[in-house]
Amino acid sequence: GAMLRRRLPADTFVTAFMAVLREGELRYSNAGHLPPLLMRA
């Protein structure tokens, strides 16, 4: 986001969801995007 801030037009933004999966653990953060769904077994 810090890198994009200096490069985007004033009326442009980007939503994003990012997750890292490692050994059964999902770590995640959200930048204004629609939340994913988790469907348990």
All heavy atoms as atom14 arrays in JSON, in Angstrom:
{
  "sequence": "GAMLRRRLPADTFVTAFMAVLREGELRYSNAGHLPPLLMRA",
  "atom14_mask": [
    [1, 1, 1, 1, 0, 0, 0, 0, 0, 0, 0, 0, 0, 0],
    [1, 1, 1, 1, 1, 0, 0, 0, 0, 0, 0, 0, 0, 0],
    [1, 1, 1, 1, 1, 1, 1, 1, 0, 0, 0, 0, 0, 0],
    [1, 1, 1, 1, 1, 1, 1, 1, 0, 0, 0, 0, 0, 0],
    [1, 1, 1, 1, 1, 1, 1, 1, 1, 1, 1, 0, 0, 0],
    [1, 1, 1, 1, 1, 1, 1, 1, 1, 1, 1, 0, 0, 0],
    [1, 1, 1, 1, 1, 1, 1, 1, 1, 1, 1, 0, 0, 0],
    [1, 1, 1, 1, 1, 1, 1, 1, 0, 0, 0, 0, 0, 0],
    [1, 1, 1, 1, 1, 1, 1, 0, 0, 0, 0, 0, 0, 0],
    [1, 1, 1, 1, 1, 0, 0, 0, 0, 0, 0, 0, 0, 0],
    [1, 1, 1, 1, 1, 1, 1, 1, 0, 0, 0, 0, 0, 0],
    [1, 1, 1, 1, 1, 1, 1, 0, 0, 0, 0, 0, 0, 0],
    [1, 1, 1, 1, 1, 1, 1, 1, 1, 1, 1, 0, 0, 0],
    [1, 1, 1, 1, 1, 1, 1, 0, 0, 0, 0, 0, 0, 0],
    [1, 1, 1, 1, 1, 1, 1, 0, 0, 0, 0, 0, 0, 0],
    [1, 1, 1, 1, 1, 0, 0, 0, 0, 0, 0, 0, 0, 0],
    [1, 1, 1, 1, 1, 1, 1, 1, 1, 1, 1, 0, 0, 0],
    [1, 1, 1, 1, 1, 1, 1, 1, 0, 0, 0, 0, 0, 0],
    [1, 1, 1, 1, 1, 0, 0, 0, 0, 0, 0, 0, 0, 0],
    [1, 1, 1, 1, 1, 1, 1, 0, 0, 0, 0, 0, 0, 0],
    [1, 1, 1, 1, 1, 1, 1, 1, 0, 0, 0, 0, 0, 0],
    [1, 1, 1, 1, 1, 1, 1, 1, 1, 1, 1, 0, 0, 0],
    [1, 1, 1, 1, 1, 1, 1, 1, 1, 0, 0, 0, 0, 0],
    [1, 1, 1, 1, 0, 0, 0, 0, 0, 0, 0, 0, 0, 0],
    [1, 1, 1, 1, 1, 1, 1, 1, 1, 0, 0, 0, 0, 0],
    [1, 1, 1, 1, 1, 1, 1, 1, 0, 0, 0, 0, 0, 0],
    [1, 1, 1, 1, 1, 1, 1, 1, 1, 1, 1, 0, 0, 0],
    [1, 1, 1, 1, 1, 1, 1, 1, 1, 1, 1, 1, 0, 0],
    [1, 1, 1, 1, 1, 1, 0, 0, 0, 0, 0, 0, 0, 0],
    [1, 1, 1, 1, 1, 1, 1, 1, 0, 0, 0, 0, 0, 0],
    [1, 1, 1, 1, 1, 0, 0, 0, 0, 0, 0, 0, 0, 0],
    [1, 1, 1, 1, 0, 0, 0, 0, 0, 0, 0, 0, 0, 0],
    [1, 1, 1, 1, 1, 1, 1, 1, 1, 1, 0, 0, 0, 0],
    [1, 1, 1, 1, 1, 1, 1, 1, 0, 0, 0, 0, 0, 0],
    [1, 1, 1, 1, 1, 1, 1, 0, 0, 0, 0, 0, 0, 0],
    [1, 1, 1, 1, 1, 1, 1, 0, 0, 0, 0, 0, 0, 0],
    [1, 1, 1, 1, 1, 1, 1, 1, 0, 0, 0, 0, 0, 0],
    [1, 1, 1, 1, 1, 1, 1, 1, 0, 0, 0, 0, 0, 0],
    [1, 1, 1, 1, 1, 1, 1, 1, 0, 0, 0, 0, 0, 0],
    [1, 1, 1, 1, 1, 1, 1, 1, 1, 1, 1, 0, 0, 0],
    [1, 1, 1, 1, 1, 0, 0, 0, 0, 0, 0, 0, 0, 0]
  ],
  "atom14_positions": [
    [[0.81, -1.21, 0.0], [0.0, 0.0, 0.0], [0.83, 1.26, 0.0], [0.52, 2.24, -0.67], [0.0, 0.0, 0.0], [0.0, 0.0, 0.0], [0.0, 0.0, 0.0], [0.0, 0.0, 0.0], [0.0, 0.0, 0.0], [0.0, 0.0, 0.0], [0.0, 0.0, 0.0], [0.0, 0.0, 0.0], [0.0, 0.0, 0.0], [0.0, 0.0, 0.0]],
    [[1.94, 1.25, 0.75], [2.82, 2.42, 0.8], [3.46, 2.67, -0.57], [3.61, 3.83, -0.99], [3.9, 2.21, 1.86], [0.0, 0.0, 0.0], [0.0, 0.0, 0.0], [0.0, 0.0, 0.0], [0.0, 0.0, 0.0], [0.0, 0.0, 0.0], [0.0, 0.0, 0.0], [0.0, 0.0, 0.0], [0.0, 0.0, 0.0], [0.0, 0.0, 0.0]],
    [[3.82, 1.6, -1.26], [4.41, 1.76, -2.6], [3.38, 2.26, -3.6], [3.67, 3.09, -4.46], [5.01, 0.44, -3.06], [6.2, -0.01, -2.23], [6.87, -1.59, -2.78], [7.69, -1.09, -4.29], [0.0, 0.0, 0.0], [0.0, 0.0, 0.0], [0.0, 0.0, 0.0], [0.0, 0.0, 0.0], [0.0, 0.0, 0.0], [0.0, 0.0, 0.0]],
    [[2.14, 1.76, -3.49], [1.09, 2.18, -4.41], [0.67, 3.62, -4.18], [0.28, 4.31, -5.12], [-0.12, 1.26, -4.28], [0.02, -0.16, -4.81], [-1.2, -0.99, -4.43], [0.2, -0.15, -6.33], [0.0, 0.0, 0.0], [0.0, 0.0, 0.0], [0.0, 0.0, 0.0], [0.0, 0.0, 0.0], [0.0, 0.0, 0.0], [0.0, 0.0, 0.0]],
    [[0.73, 4.06, -2.93], [0.23, 5.4, -2.57], [0.88, 6.48, -3.42], [0.25, 7.47, -3.78], [0.53, 5.66, -1.08], [0.0, 6.99, -0.58], [-1.5, 6.96, -0.42], [-2.0, 8.18, 0.19], [-2.43, 9.23, -0.5], [-2.42, 9.21, -1.82], [-2.88, 10.31, 0.12], [0.0, 0.0, 0.0], [0.0, 0.0, 0.0], [0.0, 0.0, 0.0]],
    [[2.14, 6.32, -3.74], [2.88, 7.34, -4.5], [2.71, 7.17, -6.0], [3.19, 8.01, -6.77], [4.36, 7.28, -4.14], [4.66, 7.53, -2.68], [6.15, 7.65, -2.42], [6.87, 6.41, -2.74], [7.05, 5.41, -1.88], [6.55, 5.5, -0.65], [7.73, 4.34, -2.22], [0.0, 0.0, 0.0], [0.0, 0.0, 0.0], [0.0, 0.0, 0.0]],
    [[2.03, 6.12, -6.42], [1.96, 5.81, -7.85], [0.54, 5.82, -8.42], [0.37, 5.78, -9.64], [2.59, 4.44, -8.11], [4.09, 4.41, -7.85], [4.62, 2.99, -7.85], [6.07, 2.96, -7.82], [6.79, 3.05, -6.71], [6.18, 3.19, -5.53], [8.11, 3.02, -6.75], [0.0, 0.0, 0.0], [0.0, 0.0, 0.0], [0.0, 0.0, 0.0]],
    [[-0.47, 5.84, -7.57], [-1.85, 5.77, -8.04], [-2.44, 7.16, -8.25], [-2.14, 8.09, -7.5], [-2.72, 5.02, -7.03], [-2.39, 3.54, -6.78], [-3.39, 2.96, -5.79], [-2.41, 2.75, -8.07], [0.0, 0.0, 0.0], [0.0, 0.0, 0.0], [0.0, 0.0, 0.0], [0.0, 0.0, 0.0], [0.0, 0.0, 0.0], [0.0, 0.0, 0.0]],
    [[-3.33, 7.31, -9.25], [-4.08, 8.56, -9.37], [-4.92, 8.78, -8.11], [-5.23, 7.84, -7.37], [-4.98, 8.31, -10.59], [-4.31, 7.22, -11.36], [-3.63, 6.36, -10.33], [0.0, 0.0, 0.0], [0.0, 0.0, 0.0], [0.0, 0.0, 0.0], [0.0, 0.0, 0.0], [0.0, 0.0, 0.0], [0.0, 0.0, 0.0], [0.0, 0.0, 0.0]],
    [[-5.29, 10.04, -7.86], [-5.99, 10.38, -6.62], [-7.32, 9.64, -6.47], [-7.76, 9.4, -5.34], [-6.22, 11.89, -6.58], [0.0, 0.0, 0.0], [0.0, 0.0, 0.0], [0.0, 0.0, 0.0], [0.0, 0.0, 0.0], [0.0, 0.0, 0.0], [0.0, 0.0, 0.0], [0.0, 0.0, 0.0], [0.0, 0.0, 0.0], [0.0, 0.0, 0.0]],
    [[-7.97, 9.28, -7.57], [-9.28, 8.64, -7.48], [-9.22, 7.12, -7.6], [-10.23, 6.46, -7.82], [-10.21, 9.19, -8.57], [-9.64, 8.95, -9.97], [-8.46, 8.6, -10.08], [-10.4, 9.13, -10.95], [0.0, 0.0, 0.0], [0.0, 0.0, 0.0], [0.0, 0.0, 0.0], [0.0, 0.0, 0.0], [0.0, 0.0, 0.0], [0.0, 0.0, 0.0]],
    [[-8.03, 6.54, -7.44], [-7.87, 5.1, -7.61], [-7.41, 4.46, -6.3], [-6.61, 5.03, -5.57], [-6.85, 4.78, -8.72], [-7.29, 5.38, -9.93], [-6.71, 3.28, -8.93], [0.0, 0.0, 0.0], [0.0, 0.0, 0.0], [0.0, 0.0, 0.0], [0.0, 0.0, 0.0], [0.0, 0.0, 0.0], [0.0, 0.0, 0.0], [0.0, 0.0, 0.0]],
    [[-7.94, 3.27, -6.02], [-7.52, 2.49, -4.87], [-7.64, 1.02, -5.23], [-8.21, 0.66, -6.26], [-8.36, 2.81, -3.62], [-9.83, 2.59, -3.81], [-10.39, 1.35, -3.56], [-10.65, 3.62, -4.24], [-11.74, 1.13, -3.75], [-12.01, 3.42, -4.42], [-12.55, 2.17, -4.17], [0.0, 0.0, 0.0], [0.0, 0.0, 0.0], [0.0, 0.0, 0.0]],
    [[-7.08, 0.16, -4.38], [-7.07, -1.27, -4.65], [-7.52, -2.02, -3.39], [-6.92, -1.83, -2.32], [-5.65, -1.76, -5.05], [-5.68, -3.25, -5.39], [-5.1, -0.95, -6.21], [0.0, 0.0, 0.0], [0.0, 0.0, 0.0], [0.0, 0.0, 0.0], [0.0, 0.0, 0.0], [0.0, 0.0, 0.0], [0.0, 0.0, 0.0], [0.0, 0.0, 0.0]],
    [[-8.54, -2.84, -3.5], [-8.9, -3.72, -2.39], [-8.09, -5.0, -2.53], [-7.74, -5.41, -3.64], [-10.4, -4.05, -2.39], [-10.71, -4.86, -3.53], [-11.25, -2.79, -2.41], [0.0, 0.0, 0.0], [0.0, 0.0, 0.0], [0.0, 0.0, 0.0], [0.0, 0.0, 0.0], [0.0, 0.0, 0.0], [0.0, 0.0, 0.0], [0.0, 0.0, 0.0]],
    [[-7.8, -5.64, -1.39], [-7.0, -6.86, -1.45], [-7.18, -7.69, -0.19], [-7.27, -7.15, 0.91], [-5.52, -6.52, -1.64], [0.0, 0.0, 0.0], [0.0, 0.0, 0.0], [0.0, 0.0, 0.0], [0.0, 0.0, 0.0], [0.0, 0.0, 0.0], [0.0, 0.0, 0.0], [0.0, 0.0, 0.0], [0.0, 0.0, 0.0], [0.0, 0.0, 0.0]],
    [[-7.24, -9.0, -0.4], [-7.19, -9.97, 0.71], [-5.96, -10.82, 0.48], [-5.74, -11.33, -0.62], [-8.44, -10.85, 0.71], [-8.37, -11.98, 1.7], [-8.75, -11.79, 3.03], [-7.92, -13.24, 1.33], [-8.68, -12.82, 3.96], [-7.84, -14.28, 2.24], [-8.23, -14.07, 3.56], [0.0, 0.0, 0.0], [0.0, 0.0, 0.0], [0.0, 0.0, 0.0]],
    [[-5.13, -10.97, 1.53], [-3.93, -11.79, 1.42], [-3.89, -12.8, 2.56], [-4.22, -12.47, 3.71], [-2.67, -10.94, 1.44], [-1.38, -11.76, 1.48], [0.13, -10.77, 1.32], [0.28, -10.72, -0.46], [0.0, 0.0, 0.0], [0.0, 0.0, 0.0], [0.0, 0.0, 0.0], [0.0, 0.0, 0.0], [0.0, 0.0, 0.0], [0.0, 0.0, 0.0]],
    [[-3.51, -14.03, 2.22], [-3.39, -15.08, 3.23], [-2.13, -15.88, 2.98], [-1.68, -16.03, 1.84], [-4.61, -16.01, 3.17], [0.0, 0.0, 0.0], [0.0, 0.0, 0.0], [0.0, 0.0, 0.0], [0.0, 0.0, 0.0], [0.0, 0.0, 0.0], [0.0, 0.0, 0.0], [0.0, 0.0, 0.0], [0.0, 0.0, 0.0], [0.0, 0.0, 0.0]],
    [[-1.54, -16.37, 4.07], [-0.36, -17.23, 3.99], [-0.71, -18.54, 4.7], [-1.13, -18.54, 5.86], [0.86, -16.58, 4.67], [2.05, -17.53, 4.65], [1.21, -15.26, 3.97], [0.0, 0.0, 0.0], [0.0, 0.0, 0.0], [0.0, 0.0, 0.0], [0.0, 0.0, 0.0], [0.0, 0.0, 0.0], [0.0, 0.0, 0.0], [0.0, 0.0, 0.0]],
    [[-0.55, -19.64, 3.99], [-0.88, -20.96, 4.53], [0.4, -21.74, 4.8], [1.24, -21.9, 3.91], [-1.75, -21.73, 3.53], [-2.2, -23.14, 3.93], [-3.08, -23.08, 5.17], [-2.95, -23.79, 2.78], [0.0, 0.0, 0.0], [0.0, 0.0, 0.0], [0.0, 0.0, 0.0], [0.0, 0.0, 0.0], [0.0, 0.0, 0.0], [0.0, 0.0, 0.0]],
    [[0.53, -22.2, 6.06], [1.73, -22.96, 6.42], [1.38, -23.96, 7.52], [0.91, -23.56, 8.59], [2.84, -22.03, 6.9], [4.14, -22.76, 7.23], [5.22, -21.8, 7.64], [6.51, -22.48, 7.79], [7.62, -21.87, 8.19], [7.6, -20.59, 8.47], [8.74, -22.56, 8.3], [0.0, 0.0, 0.0], [0.0, 0.0, 0.0], [0.0, 0.0, 0.0]],
    [[1.59, -25.22, 7.23], [1.43, -26.3, 8.2], [0.07, -26.23, 8.92], [-0.01, -26.3, 10.14], [2.58, -26.26, 9.22], [3.94, -26.5, 8.59], [5.07, -26.44, 9.6], [4.79, -26.08, 10.77], [6.22, -26.74, 9.23], [0.0, 0.0, 0.0], [0.0, 0.0, 0.0], [0.0, 0.0, 0.0], [0.0, 0.0, 0.0], [0.0, 0.0, 0.0]],
    [[-0.99, -26.04, 8.13], [-2.33, -26.07, 8.69], [-2.83, -24.77, 9.28], [-3.99, -24.67, 9.68], [0.0, 0.0, 0.0], [0.0, 0.0, 0.0], [0.0, 0.0, 0.0], [0.0, 0.0, 0.0], [0.0, 0.0, 0.0], [0.0, 0.0, 0.0], [0.0, 0.0, 0.0], [0.0, 0.0, 0.0], [0.0, 0.0, 0.0], [0.0, 0.0, 0.0]],
    [[-1.97, -23.75, 9.34], [-2.4, -22.46, 9.86], [-2.51, -21.45, 8.73], [-1.6, -21.33, 7.9], [-1.41, -21.92, 10.9], [-1.85, -20.58, 11.49], [-0.81, -19.97, 12.4], [0.29, -19.64, 11.91], [-1.1, -19.83, 13.6], [0.0, 0.0, 0.0], [0.0, 0.0, 0.0], [0.0, 0.0, 0.0], [0.0, 0.0, 0.0], [0.0, 0.0, 0.0]],
    [[-3.63, -20.73, 8.7], [-3.85, -19.69, 7.7], [-3.77, -18.35, 8.4], [-4.58, -18.04, 9.28], [-5.24, -19.86, 7.06], [-5.52, -18.9, 5.9], [-4.88, -19.45, 4.63], [-7.02, -18.73, 5.71], [0.0, 0.0, 0.0], [0.0, 0.0, 0.0], [0.0, 0.0, 0.0], [0.0, 0.0, 0.0], [0.0, 0.0, 0.0], [0.0, 0.0, 0.0]],
    [[-2.77, -17.54, 8.04], [-2.65, -16.18, 8.55], [-3.12, -15.23, 7.45], [-2.72, -15.38, 6.3], [-1.21, -15.86, 8.96], [-0.67, -16.79, 10.03], [0.6, -16.25, 10.67], [0.35, -15.03, 11.44], [-0.11, -15.04, 12.69], [-0.36, -16.18, 13.31], [-0.32, -13.89, 13.32], [0.0, 0.0, 0.0], [0.0, 0.0, 0.0], [0.0, 0.0, 0.0]],
    [[-3.94, -14.24, 7.81], [-4.55, -13.42, 6.77], [-4.76, -11.99, 7.23], [-4.83, -11.69, 8.43], [-5.88, -14.03, 6.33], [-6.92, -14.1, 7.43], [-7.83, -13.07, 7.63], [-6.99, -15.2, 8.28], [-8.78, -13.13, 8.64], [-7.93, -15.27, 9.29], [-8.82, -14.24, 9.46], [-9.75, -14.3, 10.47], [0.0, 0.0, 0.0], [0.0, 0.0, 0.0]],
    [[-4.87, -11.1, 6.23], [-5.17, -9.68, 6.44], [-6.04, -9.21, 5.28], [-6.02, -9.8, 4.18], [-3.9, -8.83, 6.49], [-3.12, -9.18, 7.63], [0.0, 0.0, 0.0], [0.0, 0.0, 0.0], [0.0, 0.0, 0.0], [0.0, 0.0, 0.0], [0.0, 0.0, 0.0], [0.0, 0.0, 0.0], [0.0, 0.0, 0.0], [0.0, 0.0, 0.0]],
    [[-6.79, -8.14, 5.51], [-7.72, -7.66, 4.49], [-7.59, -6.15, 4.34], [-7.6, -5.41, 5.33], [-9.16, -8.03, 4.87], [-10.1, -7.94, 3.69], [-9.9, -7.16, 2.78], [-11.14, -8.75, 3.72], [0.0, 0.0, 0.0], [0.0, 0.0, 0.0], [0.0, 0.0, 0.0], [0.0, 0.0, 0.0], [0.0, 0.0, 0.0], [0.0, 0.0, 0.0]],
    [[-7.46, -5.72, 3.09], [-7.41, -4.29, 2.77], [-8.67, -3.9, 2.01], [-8.65, -3.66, 0.81], [-6.16, -3.98, 1.94], [0.0, 0.0, 0.0], [0.0, 0.0, 0.0], [0.0, 0.0, 0.0], [0.0, 0.0, 0.0], [0.0, 0.0, 0.0], [0.0, 0.0, 0.0], [0.0, 0.0, 0.0], [0.0, 0.0, 0.0], [0.0, 0.0, 0.0]],
    [[-9.8, -3.91, 2.73], [-11.05, -3.44, 2.15], [-11.72, -4.34, 1.15], [-12.64, -3.91, 0.43], [0.0, 0.0, 0.0], [0.0, 0.0, 0.0], [0.0, 0.0, 0.0], [0.0, 0.0, 0.0], [0.0, 0.0, 0.0], [0.0, 0.0, 0.0], [0.0, 0.0, 0.0], [0.0, 0.0, 0.0], [0.0, 0.0, 0.0], [0.0, 0.0, 0.0]],
    [[-11.3, -5.61, 1.06], [-11.9, -6.52, 0.08], [-13.03, -7.32, 0.72], [-13.15, -7.4, 1.94], [-10.84, -7.46, -0.48], [-11.27, -8.16, -1.74], [-11.47, -7.49, -2.91], [-11.54, -9.47, -1.98], [-11.84, -8.36, -3.84], [-11.91, -9.55, -3.29], [0.0, 0.0, 0.0], [0.0, 0.0, 0.0], [0.0, 0.0, 0.0], [0.0, 0.0, 0.0]],
    [[-13.87, -7.92, -0.12], [-14.91, -8.8, 0.39], [-14.29, -9.97, 1.15], [-13.34, -10.58, 0.67], [-15.75, -9.35, -0.78], [-16.55, -8.32, -1.55], [-17.05, -8.91, -2.85], [-17.71, -7.81, -0.72], [0.0, 0.0, 0.0], [0.0, 0.0, 0.0], [0.0, 0.0, 0.0], [0.0, 0.0, 0.0], [0.0, 0.0, 0.0], [0.0, 0.0, 0.0]],
    [[-14.81, -10.3, 2.33], [-14.21, -11.39, 3.11], [-14.47, -12.75, 2.46], [-15.6, -13.03, 2.05], [-14.9, -11.29, 4.48], [-16.2, -10.63, 4.18], [-15.94, -9.67, 3.05], [0.0, 0.0, 0.0], [0.0, 0.0, 0.0], [0.0, 0.0, 0.0], [0.0, 0.0, 0.0], [0.0, 0.0, 0.0], [0.0, 0.0, 0.0], [0.0, 0.0, 0.0]],
    [[-13.45, -13.59, 2.35], [-13.67, -14.95, 1.85], [-14.58, -15.73, 2.79], [-14.84, -15.32, 3.92], [-12.25, -15.55, 1.83], [-11.35, -14.37, 1.79], [-12.04, -13.31, 2.59], [0.0, 0.0, 0.0], [0.0, 0.0, 0.0], [0.0, 0.0, 0.0], [0.0, 0.0, 0.0], [0.0, 0.0, 0.0], [0.0, 0.0, 0.0], [0.0, 0.0, 0.0]],
    [[-15.04, -16.86, 2.32], [-15.88, -17.75, 3.13], [-15.08, -18.98, 3.53], [-14.33, -19.53, 2.71], [-17.12, -18.19, 2.35], [-18.06, -17.07, 1.9], [-19.19, -17.65, 1.06], [-18.6, -16.29, 3.09], [0.0, 0.0, 0.0], [0.0, 0.0, 0.0], [0.0, 0.0, 0.0], [0.0, 0.0, 0.0], [0.0, 0.0, 0.0], [0.0, 0.0, 0.0]],
    [[-15.24, -19.38, 4.77], [-14.62, -20.61, 5.27], [-15.72, -21.63, 5.5], [-16.63, -21.4, 6.3], [-13.85, -20.35, 6.57], [-13.21, -21.59, 7.2], [-12.14, -22.18, 6.29], [-12.62, -21.25, 8.57], [0.0, 0.0, 0.0], [0.0, 0.0, 0.0], [0.0, 0.0, 0.0], [0.0, 0.0, 0.0], [0.0, 0.0, 0.0], [0.0, 0.0, 0.0]],
    [[-15.64, -22.73, 4.77], [-16.62, -23.8, 4.89], [-15.95, -24.98, 5.6], [-15.05, -25.61, 5.05], [-17.13, -24.23, 3.51], [-17.65, -23.07, 2.69], [-18.14, -23.56, 1.02], [-18.32, -21.93, 0.26], [0.0, 0.0, 0.0], [0.0, 0.0, 0.0], [0.0, 0.0, 0.0], [0.0, 0.0, 0.0], [0.0, 0.0, 0.0], [0.0, 0.0, 0.0]],
    [[-16.36, -25.21, 6.85], [-15.78, -26.29, 7.64], [-16.3, -27.64, 7.16], [-17.42, -27.75, 6.64], [-16.11, -26.1, 9.11], [-15.48, -24.87, 9.75], [-13.97, -25.0, 9.83], [-13.36, -23.93, 10.63], [-12.05, -23.8, 10.8], [-11.2, -24.67, 10.25], [-11.56, -22.81, 11.53], [0.0, 0.0, 0.0], [0.0, 0.0, 0.0], [0.0, 0.0, 0.0]],
    [[-15.48, -28.65, 7.35], [-15.85, -30.01, 6.93], [-17.15, -30.46, 7.59], [-17.93, -31.21, 7.0], [-14.72, -30.98, 7.26], [0.0, 0.0, 0.0], [0.0, 0.0, 0.0], [0.0, 0.0, 0.0], [0.0, 0.0, 0.0], [0.0, 0.0, 0.0], [0.0, 0.0, 0.0], [0.0, 0.0, 0.0], [0.0, 0.0, 0.0], [0.0, 0.0, 0.0]]
  ]
}
